[in-house]
Amino acid sequence: MSKSSTRTPQAKDKLELYYSPVAVIAATGFFVWMVGWIVFWTFAGLVSGHFLAQLVGGVAVVFGVPLVLPFLPTIVHPWRYKGPVVTIDIDGISDVRKKCSFIPWSDIRRVTLGVGDTASILCFKFRRPDQRRADPPRLGLIGTLLKRMQFLGDWNVSLRLLACNRHETLKEAQRFCRRSIQRQVIELNKGNYEGGASRQ
């Protein structure tokens, strides 16, 4: 985890987001507490010999472990990685935490913020369906339903552990998206003008 300032100085043509030490420490503490709770009730059930304690211990293992384990990479990564996590510029957006780490603006139709006052997810909708780069489905049908209920996009970037203001980050992402479109239009018009001039 980076021990520098919680928010890096942002260049005019680039927005870099780093992990927030406060958020990472809080998330790690909650994760450790959850693991401790599972371990405690598991061993308590084994040692006590009482049916009720064994039942609670079994429930802790069966439901607690699958619930906590998927969050392990999210907790470990901030303590090992020190660079910018999310980078937004005129070319696109990158997130080092994702398997498909970069998406150009030319492939993005819309960027929004997850639904709700506490939503901290940038949601990107592709211009064309692209299952190879879209976020993989989780929890099967339940995951699909949750994704629709949260109005998530094809490619989503979590801001929860990052040192940023979610609304300001959304505005910057939308600004870079507009700049990219303007650049494409200028280049297209320039190409058409040069092509027309060469035929004359």
C-alpha atoms as a PDB file:
ATOM      1  CA  MET A   1       0.000   0.000   0.000  1.00  0.00           C
ATOM      2  CA  SER A   2       1.297   3.424  -0.876  1.00  0.00           C
ATOM      3  CA  LYS A   3       2.383   5.484   2.106  1.00  0.00           C
ATOM      4  CA  SER A   4       2.417   8.710   0.137  1.00  0.00           C
ATOM      5  CA  SER A   5      -0.395  11.221   0.022  1.00  0.00           C
ATOM      6  CA  THR A   6      -3.849   9.766  -0.281  1.00  0.00           C
ATOM      7  CA  ARG A   7      -4.439  11.634  -3.531  1.00  0.00           C
ATOM      8  CA  THR A   8      -1.784  12.229  -6.117  1.00  0.00           C
ATOM      9  CA  PRO A   9      -1.347  15.535  -7.933  1.00  0.00           C
ATOM     10  CA  GLN A  10      -3.341  15.117 -11.113  1.00  0.00           C
ATOM     11  CA  ALA A  11      -1.936  16.233 -14.434  1.00  0.00           C
ATOM     12  CA  LYS A  12      -4.126  18.169 -16.827  1.00  0.00           C
ATOM     13  CA  ASP A  13      -4.479  15.302 -19.267  1.00  0.00           C
ATOM     14  CA  LYS A  14      -4.463  12.398 -16.835  1.00  0.00           C
ATOM     15  CA  LEU A  15      -6.300  11.360 -13.682  1.00  0.00           C
ATOM     16  CA  GLU A  16      -4.543   8.818 -11.473  1.00  0.00           C
ATOM     17  CA  LEU A  17      -6.258   7.226  -8.484  1.00  0.00           C
ATOM     18  CA  TYR A  18      -4.361   5.494  -5.693  1.00  0.00           C
ATOM     19  CA  TYR A  19      -5.490   3.383  -2.775  1.00  0.00           C
ATOM     20  CA  SER A  20      -6.670   5.252   0.312  1.00  0.00           C
ATOM     21  CA  PRO A  21      -4.695   4.030   3.367  1.00  0.00           C
ATOM     22  CA  VAL A  22      -7.635   4.759   5.675  1.00  0.00           C
ATOM     23  CA  ALA A  23     -10.101   2.799   3.533  1.00  0.00           C
ATOM     24  CA  VAL A  24      -7.662  -0.104   3.078  1.00  0.00           C
ATOM     25  CA  ILE A  25      -6.946  -0.364   6.817  1.00  0.00           C
ATOM     26  CA  ALA A  26     -10.670  -0.263   7.627  1.00  0.00           C
ATOM     27  CA  ALA A  27     -11.481  -2.933   5.017  1.00  0.00           C
ATOM     28  CA  THR A  28      -8.600  -5.119   6.214  1.00  0.00           C
ATOM     29  CA  GLY A  29      -9.740  -4.815   9.819  1.00  0.00           C
ATOM     30  CA  PHE A  30     -13.274  -5.864   8.917  1.00  0.00           C
ATOM     31  CA  PHE A  31     -11.960  -8.780   6.850  1.00  0.00           C
ATOM     32  CA  VAL A  32      -9.746  -9.997   9.704  1.00  0.00           C
ATOM     33  CA  TRP A  33     -12.697  -9.698  12.100  1.00  0.00           C
ATOM     34  CA  MET A  34     -14.859 -11.821   9.797  1.00  0.00           C
ATOM     35  CA  VAL A  35     -12.147 -14.477   9.460  1.00  0.00           C
ATOM     36  CA  GLY A  36     -11.661 -14.471  13.234  1.00  0.00           C
ATOM     37  CA  TRP A  37     -15.390 -14.921  13.763  1.00  0.00           C
ATOM     38  CA  ILE A  38     -15.447 -17.942  11.432  1.00  0.00           C
ATOM     39  CA  VAL A  39     -12.374 -19.512  13.043  1.00  0.00           C
ATOM     40  CA  PHE A  40     -13.690 -18.919  16.564  1.00  0.00           C
ATOM     41  CA  TRP A  41     -17.068 -20.557  16.000  1.00  0.00           C
ATOM     42  CA  THR A  42     -15.537 -23.415  14.023  1.00  0.00           C
ATOM     43  CA  PHE A  43     -13.135 -24.372  16.807  1.00  0.00           C
ATOM     44  CA  ALA A  44     -15.707 -23.633  19.507  1.00  0.00           C
ATOM     45  CA  GLY A  45     -18.064 -26.104  17.879  1.00  0.00           C
ATOM     46  CA  LEU A  46     -15.387 -28.774  17.598  1.00  0.00           C
ATOM     47  CA  VAL A  47     -14.123 -28.403  21.175  1.00  0.00           C
ATOM     48  CA  SER A  48     -17.390 -27.885  23.061  1.00  0.00           C
ATOM     49  CA  GLY A  49     -19.114 -31.048  21.951  1.00  0.00           C
ATOM     50  CA  HIS A  50     -22.529 -29.348  22.211  1.00  0.00           C
ATOM     51  CA  PHE A  51     -24.865 -29.836  19.295  1.00  0.00           C
ATOM     52  CA  LEU A  52     -25.873 -26.155  19.053  1.00  0.00           C
ATOM     53  CA  ALA A  53     -22.238 -24.977  19.057  1.00  0.00           C
ATOM     54  CA  GLN A  54     -21.350 -27.579  16.439  1.00  0.00           C
ATOM     55  CA  LEU A  55     -24.283 -26.392  14.333  1.00  0.00           C
ATOM     56  CA  VAL A  56     -23.132 -22.777  14.536  1.00  0.00           C
ATOM     57  CA  GLY A  57     -19.588 -23.852  13.668  1.00  0.00           C
ATOM     58  CA  GLY A  58     -20.837 -25.786  10.666  1.00  0.00           C
ATOM     59  CA  VAL A  59     -22.869 -22.808   9.459  1.00  0.00           C
ATOM     60  CA  ALA A  60     -19.815 -20.560   9.876  1.00  0.00           C
ATOM     61  CA  VAL A  61     -17.737 -22.852   7.667  1.00  0.00           C
ATOM     62  CA  VAL A  62     -20.363 -23.601   5.023  1.00  0.00           C
ATOM     63  CA  PHE A  63     -21.588 -20.038   4.556  1.00  0.00           C
ATOM     64  CA  GLY A  64     -18.812 -17.888   6.001  1.00  0.00           C
ATOM     65  CA  VAL A  65     -15.859 -19.210   3.996  1.00  0.00           C
ATOM     66  CA  PRO A  66     -17.518 -18.826   0.533  1.00  0.00           C
ATOM     67  CA  LEU A  67     -18.653 -15.356   1.596  1.00  0.00           C
ATOM     68  CA  VAL A  68     -15.235 -14.131   2.751  1.00  0.00           C
ATOM     69  CA  LEU A  69     -12.841 -15.926   0.384  1.00  0.00           C
ATOM     70  CA  PRO A  70     -13.725 -13.932  -2.799  1.00  0.00           C
ATOM     71  CA  PHE A  71     -12.690 -10.726  -1.017  1.00  0.00           C
ATOM     72  CA  LEU A  72      -9.177 -11.991  -0.232  1.00  0.00           C
ATOM     73  CA  PRO A  73      -7.557 -10.640  -3.475  1.00  0.00           C
ATOM     74  CA  THR A  74      -9.236  -7.263  -2.860  1.00  0.00           C
ATOM     75  CA  ILE A  75      -7.657  -7.072   0.595  1.00  0.00           C
ATOM     76  CA  VAL A  76      -4.212  -8.382  -0.377  1.00  0.00           C
ATOM     77  CA  HIS A  77      -3.669  -6.273  -3.508  1.00  0.00           C
ATOM     78  CA  PRO A  78      -3.499  -2.836  -1.790  1.00  0.00           C
ATOM     79  CA  TRP A  79      -0.727  -4.057   0.524  1.00  0.00           C
ATOM     80  CA  ARG A  80       1.401  -5.307  -2.380  1.00  0.00           C
ATOM     81  CA  TYR A  81       0.771  -2.708  -5.082  1.00  0.00           C
ATOM     82  CA  LYS A  82       2.093   0.866  -4.777  1.00  0.00           C
ATOM     83  CA  GLY A  83       1.348   2.479  -8.140  1.00  0.00           C
ATOM     84  CA  PRO A  84      -1.776   4.152  -9.528  1.00  0.00           C
ATOM     85  CA  VAL A  85      -4.706   1.746  -9.484  1.00  0.00           C
ATOM     86  CA  VAL A  86      -6.997   3.516 -11.946  1.00  0.00           C
ATOM     87  CA  THR A  87      -5.779   5.821 -14.715  1.00  0.00           C
ATOM     88  CA  ILE A  88      -8.124   7.900 -16.868  1.00  0.00           C
ATOM     89  CA  ASP A  89      -6.911   9.904 -19.843  1.00  0.00           C
ATOM     90  CA  ILE A  90      -7.974  10.867 -23.355  1.00  0.00           C
ATOM     91  CA  ASP A  91      -7.158   7.388 -24.684  1.00  0.00           C
ATOM     92  CA  GLY A  92      -9.286   5.423 -22.231  1.00  0.00           C
ATOM     93  CA  ILE A  93      -9.394   4.022 -18.736  1.00  0.00           C
ATOM     94  CA  SER A  94      -7.238   1.368 -17.091  1.00  0.00           C
ATOM     95  CA  ASP A  95      -7.648  -0.587 -13.858  1.00  0.00           C
ATOM     96  CA  VAL A  96      -4.699  -2.771 -12.805  1.00  0.00           C
ATOM     97  CA  ARG A  97      -6.996  -4.952 -10.676  1.00  0.00           C
ATOM     98  CA  LYS A  98      -8.873  -6.318 -13.666  1.00  0.00           C
ATOM     99  CA  LYS A  99      -7.905  -9.081 -16.087  1.00  0.00           C
ATOM    100  CA  CYS A 100      -8.841  -6.840 -18.993  1.00  0.00           C
ATOM    101  CA  SER A 101      -7.042  -3.806 -17.625  1.00  0.00           C
ATOM    102  CA  PHE A 102      -7.628  -1.200 -20.369  1.00  0.00           C
ATOM    103  CA  ILE A 103     -10.646  -0.063 -22.373  1.00  0.00           C
ATOM    104  CA  PRO A 104     -10.358   2.713 -25.029  1.00  0.00           C
ATOM    105  CA  TRP A 105     -13.038   5.382 -25.209  1.00  0.00           C
ATOM    106  CA  SER A 106     -13.756   4.354 -28.795  1.00  0.00           C
ATOM    107  CA  ASP A 107     -15.306   1.152 -27.404  1.00  0.00           C
ATOM    108  CA  ILE A 108     -17.380   2.885 -24.715  1.00  0.00           C
ATOM    109  CA  ARG A 109     -20.869   4.197 -25.322  1.00  0.00           C
ATOM    110  CA  ARG A 110     -21.687   5.531 -21.856  1.00  0.00           C
ATOM    111  CA  VAL A 111     -20.180   5.918 -18.387  1.00  0.00           C
ATOM    112  CA  THR A 112     -22.353   6.304 -15.290  1.00  0.00           C
ATOM    113  CA  LEU A 113     -22.193   5.830 -11.531  1.00  0.00           C
ATOM    114  CA  GLY A 114     -23.818   2.869  -9.812  1.00  0.00           C
ATOM    115  CA  VAL A 115     -27.331   3.487  -8.522  1.00  0.00           C
ATOM    116  CA  GLY A 116     -27.765   4.741  -4.958  1.00  0.00           C
ATOM    117  CA  ASP A 117     -26.367   7.482  -2.746  1.00  0.00           C
ATOM    118  CA  THR A 118     -23.510   5.249  -1.602  1.00  0.00           C
ATOM    119  CA  ALA A 119     -22.689   3.808  -5.040  1.00  0.00           C
ATOM    120  CA  SER A 120     -18.944   3.875  -5.682  1.00  0.00           C
ATOM    121  CA  ILE A 121     -18.699   2.053  -9.002  1.00  0.00           C
ATOM    122  CA  LEU A 122     -17.970   3.550 -12.408  1.00  0.00           C
ATOM    123  CA  CYS A 123     -20.106   1.645 -14.901  1.00  0.00           C
ATOM    124  CA  PHE A 124     -19.022   1.495 -18.537  1.00  0.00           C
ATOM    125  CA  LYS A 125     -21.362   0.367 -21.298  1.00  0.00           C
ATOM    126  CA  PHE A 126     -19.743  -0.988 -24.467  1.00  0.00           C
ATOM    127  CA  ARG A 127     -20.786   0.201 -27.924  1.00  0.00           C
ATOM    128  CA  ARG A 128     -20.878  -3.433 -29.039  1.00  0.00           C
ATOM    129  CA  PRO A 129     -21.223  -6.639 -26.975  1.00  0.00           C
ATOM    130  CA  ASP A 130     -17.806  -7.985 -26.041  1.00  0.00           C
ATOM    131  CA  GLN A 131     -17.892 -10.973 -23.696  1.00  0.00           C
ATOM    132  CA  ARG A 132     -14.118 -11.405 -23.819  1.00  0.00           C
ATOM    133  CA  ARG A 133     -13.515  -8.062 -22.115  1.00  0.00           C
ATOM    134  CA  ALA A 134     -16.715  -7.691 -20.090  1.00  0.00           C
ATOM    135  CA  ASP A 135     -16.670  -8.428 -16.374  1.00  0.00           C
ATOM    136  CA  PRO A 136     -17.130 -12.171 -15.802  1.00  0.00           C
ATOM    137  CA  PRO A 137     -20.465 -13.223 -14.263  1.00  0.00           C
ATOM    138  CA  ARG A 138     -20.385 -14.099 -10.570  1.00  0.00           C
ATOM    139  CA  LEU A 139     -22.763 -16.162  -8.449  1.00  0.00           C
ATOM    140  CA  GLY A 140     -24.633 -17.364 -11.543  1.00  0.00           C
ATOM    141  CA  LEU A 141     -28.239 -16.206 -11.862  1.00  0.00           C
ATOM    142  CA  ILE A 142     -28.105 -14.386  -8.512  1.00  0.00           C
ATOM    143  CA  GLY A 143     -25.098 -12.392  -9.687  1.00  0.00           C
ATOM    144  CA  THR A 144     -26.860 -11.485 -12.922  1.00  0.00           C
ATOM    145  CA  LEU A 145     -29.927 -10.272 -11.028  1.00  0.00           C
ATOM    146  CA  LEU A 146     -27.811  -8.232  -8.607  1.00  0.00           C
ATOM    147  CA  LYS A 147     -25.949  -6.694 -11.532  1.00  0.00           C
ATOM    148  CA  ARG A 148     -29.229  -5.612 -13.135  1.00  0.00           C
ATOM    149  CA  MET A 149     -30.601  -4.296  -9.827  1.00  0.00           C
ATOM    150  CA  GLN A 150     -27.477  -2.149  -9.376  1.00  0.00           C
ATOM    151  CA  PHE A 151     -27.614  -1.017 -13.025  1.00  0.00           C
ATOM    152  CA  LEU A 152     -23.991  -2.056 -13.515  1.00  0.00           C
ATOM    153  CA  GLY A 153     -22.334  -1.833 -16.914  1.00  0.00           C
ATOM    154  CA  ASP A 154     -20.351  -4.243 -19.055  1.00  0.00           C
ATOM    155  CA  TRP A 155     -17.082  -3.171 -17.413  1.00  0.00           C
ATOM    156  CA  ASN A 156     -17.168  -1.779 -13.871  1.00  0.00           C
ATOM    157  CA  VAL A 157     -14.510  -0.015 -11.799  1.00  0.00           C
ATOM    158  CA  SER A 158     -14.849  -0.002  -8.017  1.00  0.00           C
ATOM    159  CA  LEU A 159     -13.855   3.240  -6.282  1.00  0.00           C
ATOM    160  CA  ARG A 160     -14.485   2.008  -2.727  1.00  0.00           C
ATOM    161  CA  LEU A 161     -10.851   1.664  -1.628  1.00  0.00           C
ATOM    162  CA  LEU A 162      -9.512   4.554  -3.696  1.00  0.00           C
ATOM    163  CA  ALA A 163      -8.677   8.080  -2.560  1.00  0.00           C
ATOM    164  CA  CYS A 164     -11.168  10.022  -4.665  1.00  0.00           C
ATOM    165  CA  ASN A 165     -14.535  11.728  -4.769  1.00  0.00           C
ATOM    166  CA  ARG A 166     -16.858   9.463  -6.757  1.00  0.00           C
ATOM    167  CA  HIS A 167     -18.885  12.288  -8.311  1.00  0.00           C
ATOM    168  CA  GLU A 168     -15.797  14.260  -9.317  1.00  0.00           C
ATOM    169  CA  THR A 169     -14.251  11.090 -10.750  1.00  0.00           C
ATOM    170  CA  LEU A 170     -17.385  10.476 -12.813  1.00  0.00           C
ATOM    171  CA  LYS A 171     -17.269  14.048 -14.146  1.00  0.00           C
ATOM    172  CA  GLU A 172     -13.623  13.642 -15.127  1.00  0.00           C
ATOM    173  CA  ALA A 173     -14.321  10.319 -16.851  1.00  0.00           C
ATOM    174  CA  GLN A 174     -17.187  11.862 -18.813  1.00  0.00           C
ATOM    175  CA  ARG A 175     -14.998  14.858 -19.702  1.00  0.00           C
ATOM    176  CA  PHE A 176     -12.249  12.626 -21.087  1.00  0.00           C
ATOM    177  CA  CYS A 177     -14.855  10.641 -23.002  1.00  0.00           C
ATOM    178  CA  ARG A 178     -16.150  13.830 -24.648  1.00  0.00           C
ATOM    179  CA  ARG A 179     -12.616  14.964 -25.466  1.00  0.00           C
ATOM    180  CA  SER A 180     -11.910  11.619 -27.098  1.00  0.00           C
ATOM    181  CA  ILE A 181     -15.021  11.932 -29.275  1.00  0.00           C
ATOM    182  CA  GLN A 182     -14.036  15.476 -30.267  1.00  0.00           C
ATOM    183  CA  ARG A 183     -10.553  14.277 -31.197  1.00  0.00           C
ATOM    184  CA  GLN A 184     -11.991  11.488 -33.342  1.00  0.00           C
ATOM    185  CA  VAL A 185     -14.277  13.946 -35.147  1.00  0.00           C
ATOM    186  CA  ILE A 186     -11.383  16.339 -35.804  1.00  0.00           C
ATOM    187  CA  GLU A 187      -9.179  13.545 -37.137  1.00  0.00           C
ATOM    188  CA  LEU A 188     -12.014  12.236 -39.316  1.00  0.00           C
ATOM    189  CA  ASN A 189     -12.733  15.697 -40.772  1.00  0.00           C
ATOM    190  CA  LYS A 190      -9.028  16.273 -41.313  1.00  0.00           C
ATOM    191  CA  GLY A 191      -8.737  12.959 -43.172  1.00  0.00           C
ATOM    192  CA  ASN A 192     -11.767  13.798 -45.335  1.00  0.00           C
ATOM    193  CA  TYR A 193     -10.356  17.257 -46.110  1.00  0.00           C
ATOM    194  CA  GLU A 194      -6.934  15.910 -47.034  1.00  0.00           C
ATOM    195  CA  GLY A 195      -8.492  13.154 -49.136  1.00  0.00           C
ATOM    196  CA  GLY A 196     -10.670  15.654 -51.004  1.00  0.00           C
ATOM    197  CA  ALA A 197      -7.724  17.999 -51.574  1.00  0.00           C
ATOM    198  CA  SER A 198      -5.561  15.212 -52.987  1.00  0.00           C
ATOM    199  CA  ARG A 199      -8.192  14.319 -55.594  1.00  0.00           C
ATOM    200  CA  GLN A 200      -8.361  17.852 -56.902  1.00  0.00           C
END
